[in-house]
Amino acid sequence: MIIYSPLWRTMDAKGITTYTLIHRFKFSRGTLHSLKHNKNISTVTINDLCQIL
């Protein structure tokens, strides 16, 4: 099982919010829902997150 809690800690440390992901980086609300609920996401999304962080 993949758990995204390290992602949320990193985002918090860097001052990046879900609002920022949606409005500045054009992430969909569905993708954020998947992340929040530890569901599957694509490798493209993981790559996008790595570039942001």
N, C-alpha and C. Protein backbone atom coordinates (compact mmCIF):
# COMPACT_ATOMS: atom_id res chain seq x y z
N MET A 1 0.85 -1.18 0.00
CA MET A 1 0.00 0.00 0.00
C MET A 1 0.89 1.24 0.00
N ILE A 2 0.54 2.19 -0.81
CA ILE A 2 1.26 3.46 -0.87
C ILE A 2 0.58 4.45 0.06
N ILE A 3 1.39 5.12 0.87
CA ILE A 3 0.87 6.13 1.80
C ILE A 3 1.55 7.46 1.46
N TYR A 4 0.77 8.49 1.30
CA TYR A 4 1.29 9.78 0.85
C TYR A 4 1.54 10.76 1.99
N SER A 5 1.58 10.30 3.23
CA SER A 5 1.82 11.23 4.34
C SER A 5 3.16 11.96 4.24
N PRO A 6 4.23 11.35 3.71
CA PRO A 6 5.46 12.14 3.53
C PRO A 6 5.28 13.30 2.54
N LEU A 7 4.43 13.10 1.55
CA LEU A 7 4.13 14.19 0.61
C LEU A 7 3.51 15.37 1.33
N TRP A 8 2.54 15.11 2.19
CA TRP A 8 1.86 16.20 2.90
C TRP A 8 2.81 16.93 3.83
N ARG A 9 3.71 16.19 4.48
CA ARG A 9 4.71 16.83 5.36
C ARG A 9 5.66 17.71 4.54
N THR A 10 6.10 17.22 3.39
CA THR A 10 7.00 18.00 2.53
C THR A 10 6.30 19.25 2.02
N MET A 11 5.05 19.09 1.60
CA MET A 11 4.29 20.26 1.12
C MET A 11 4.14 21.28 2.23
N ASP A 12 3.84 20.83 3.43
CA ASP A 12 3.68 21.73 4.56
C ASP A 12 4.98 22.47 4.86
N ALA A 13 6.09 21.76 4.82
CA ALA A 13 7.40 22.37 5.09
C ALA A 13 7.77 23.42 4.04
N LYS A 14 7.31 23.21 2.80
CA LYS A 14 7.62 24.14 1.72
C LYS A 14 6.53 25.18 1.49
N GLY A 15 5.46 25.12 2.28
CA GLY A 15 4.40 26.10 2.16
C GLY A 15 3.51 25.93 0.94
N ILE A 16 3.42 24.70 0.44
CA ILE A 16 2.58 24.41 -0.72
C ILE A 16 1.27 23.82 -0.22
N THR A 17 0.17 24.39 -0.64
CA THR A 17 -1.15 23.92 -0.21
C THR A 17 -1.86 23.20 -1.36
N THR A 18 -2.96 22.55 -1.03
CA THR A 18 -3.75 21.93 -2.09
C THR A 18 -4.33 23.00 -3.00
N TYR A 19 -4.63 24.16 -2.44
CA TYR A 19 -5.11 25.28 -3.26
C TYR A 19 -4.06 25.64 -4.32
N THR A 20 -2.80 25.67 -3.91
CA THR A 20 -1.71 25.96 -4.85
C THR A 20 -1.64 24.91 -5.93
N LEU A 21 -1.77 23.64 -5.56
CA LEU A 21 -1.72 22.57 -6.56
C LEU A 21 -2.85 22.70 -7.58
N ILE A 22 -4.02 23.06 -7.10
CA ILE A 22 -5.17 23.18 -8.00
C ILE A 22 -5.06 24.41 -8.90
N HIS A 23 -4.79 25.56 -8.32
CA HIS A 23 -4.88 26.80 -9.07
C HIS A 23 -3.59 27.20 -9.79
N ARG A 24 -2.45 26.91 -9.21
CA ARG A 24 -1.20 27.31 -9.86
C ARG A 24 -0.66 26.22 -10.76
N PHE A 25 -0.76 24.96 -10.32
CA PHE A 25 -0.18 23.86 -11.07
C PHE A 25 -1.21 23.02 -11.82
N LYS A 26 -2.48 23.41 -11.74
CA LYS A 26 -3.57 22.79 -12.52
C LYS A 26 -3.79 21.31 -12.23
N PHE A 27 -3.60 20.89 -10.97
CA PHE A 27 -3.95 19.53 -10.58
C PHE A 27 -5.46 19.45 -10.46
N SER A 28 -6.02 18.31 -10.79
CA SER A 28 -7.47 18.16 -10.68
C SER A 28 -7.84 17.82 -9.24
N ARG A 29 -9.06 18.14 -8.90
CA ARG A 29 -9.55 17.80 -7.56
C ARG A 29 -9.61 16.28 -7.38
N GLY A 30 -9.85 15.58 -8.47
CA GLY A 30 -9.88 14.11 -8.41
C GLY A 30 -8.52 13.53 -8.06
N THR A 31 -7.46 14.11 -8.61
CA THR A 31 -6.12 13.66 -8.28
C THR A 31 -5.82 13.91 -6.81
N LEU A 32 -6.20 15.08 -6.32
CA LEU A 32 -5.98 15.38 -4.91
C LEU A 32 -6.79 14.45 -4.01
N HIS A 33 -7.99 14.12 -4.44
CA HIS A 33 -8.81 13.17 -3.68
C HIS A 33 -8.09 11.82 -3.59
N SER A 34 -7.53 11.38 -4.71
CA SER A 34 -6.79 10.11 -4.72
C SER A 34 -5.59 10.16 -3.78
N LEU A 35 -4.89 11.27 -3.79
CA LEU A 35 -3.74 11.42 -2.91
C LEU A 35 -4.16 11.41 -1.44
N LYS A 36 -5.21 12.15 -1.13
CA LYS A 36 -5.67 12.24 0.25
C LYS A 36 -6.14 10.90 0.80
N HIS A 37 -6.65 10.04 -0.09
CA HIS A 37 -7.21 8.76 0.33
C HIS A 37 -6.29 7.59 -0.02
N ASN A 38 -5.02 7.90 -0.29
CA ASN A 38 -4.00 6.88 -0.58
C ASN A 38 -4.42 5.92 -1.68
N LYS A 39 -5.03 6.46 -2.73
CA LYS A 39 -5.43 5.65 -3.87
C LYS A 39 -4.37 5.75 -4.96
N ASN A 40 -4.55 4.99 -6.00
CA ASN A 40 -3.59 4.96 -7.10
C ASN A 40 -3.56 6.29 -7.86
N ILE A 41 -2.34 6.69 -8.25
CA ILE A 41 -2.16 7.83 -9.14
C ILE A 41 -1.19 7.40 -10.22
N SER A 42 -1.14 8.15 -11.30
CA SER A 42 -0.27 7.78 -12.41
C SER A 42 1.17 8.21 -12.14
N THR A 43 2.08 7.59 -12.86
CA THR A 43 3.49 7.97 -12.74
C THR A 43 3.72 9.38 -13.28
N VAL A 44 2.88 9.81 -14.19
CA VAL A 44 2.97 11.19 -14.69
C VAL A 44 2.69 12.17 -13.55
N THR A 45 1.70 11.86 -12.72
CA THR A 45 1.39 12.71 -11.57
C THR A 45 2.54 12.72 -10.58
N ILE A 46 3.14 11.57 -10.35
CA ILE A 46 4.29 11.51 -9.44
C ILE A 46 5.42 12.36 -10.00
N ASN A 47 5.66 12.28 -11.28
CA ASN A 47 6.69 13.10 -11.92
C ASN A 47 6.38 14.58 -11.76
N ASP A 48 5.14 14.97 -11.97
CA ASP A 48 4.75 16.38 -11.81
C ASP A 48 4.99 16.86 -10.39
N LEU A 49 4.65 16.03 -9.41
CA LEU A 49 4.87 16.40 -8.02
C LEU A 49 6.36 16.56 -7.70
N CYS A 50 7.17 15.68 -8.26
CA CYS A 50 8.62 15.77 -8.04
C CYS A 50 9.19 17.07 -8.60
N GLN A 51 8.68 17.51 -9.73
CA GLN A 51 9.15 18.74 -10.33
C GLN A 51 8.73 19.96 -9.50
N ILE A 52 7.58 19.90 -8.88
CA ILE A 52 7.09 21.00 -8.06
C ILE A 52 7.86 21.08 -6.75
N LEU A 53 8.09 19.92 -6.15
CA LEU A 53 8.73 19.90 -4.84
C LEU A 53 10.22 19.87 -5.00
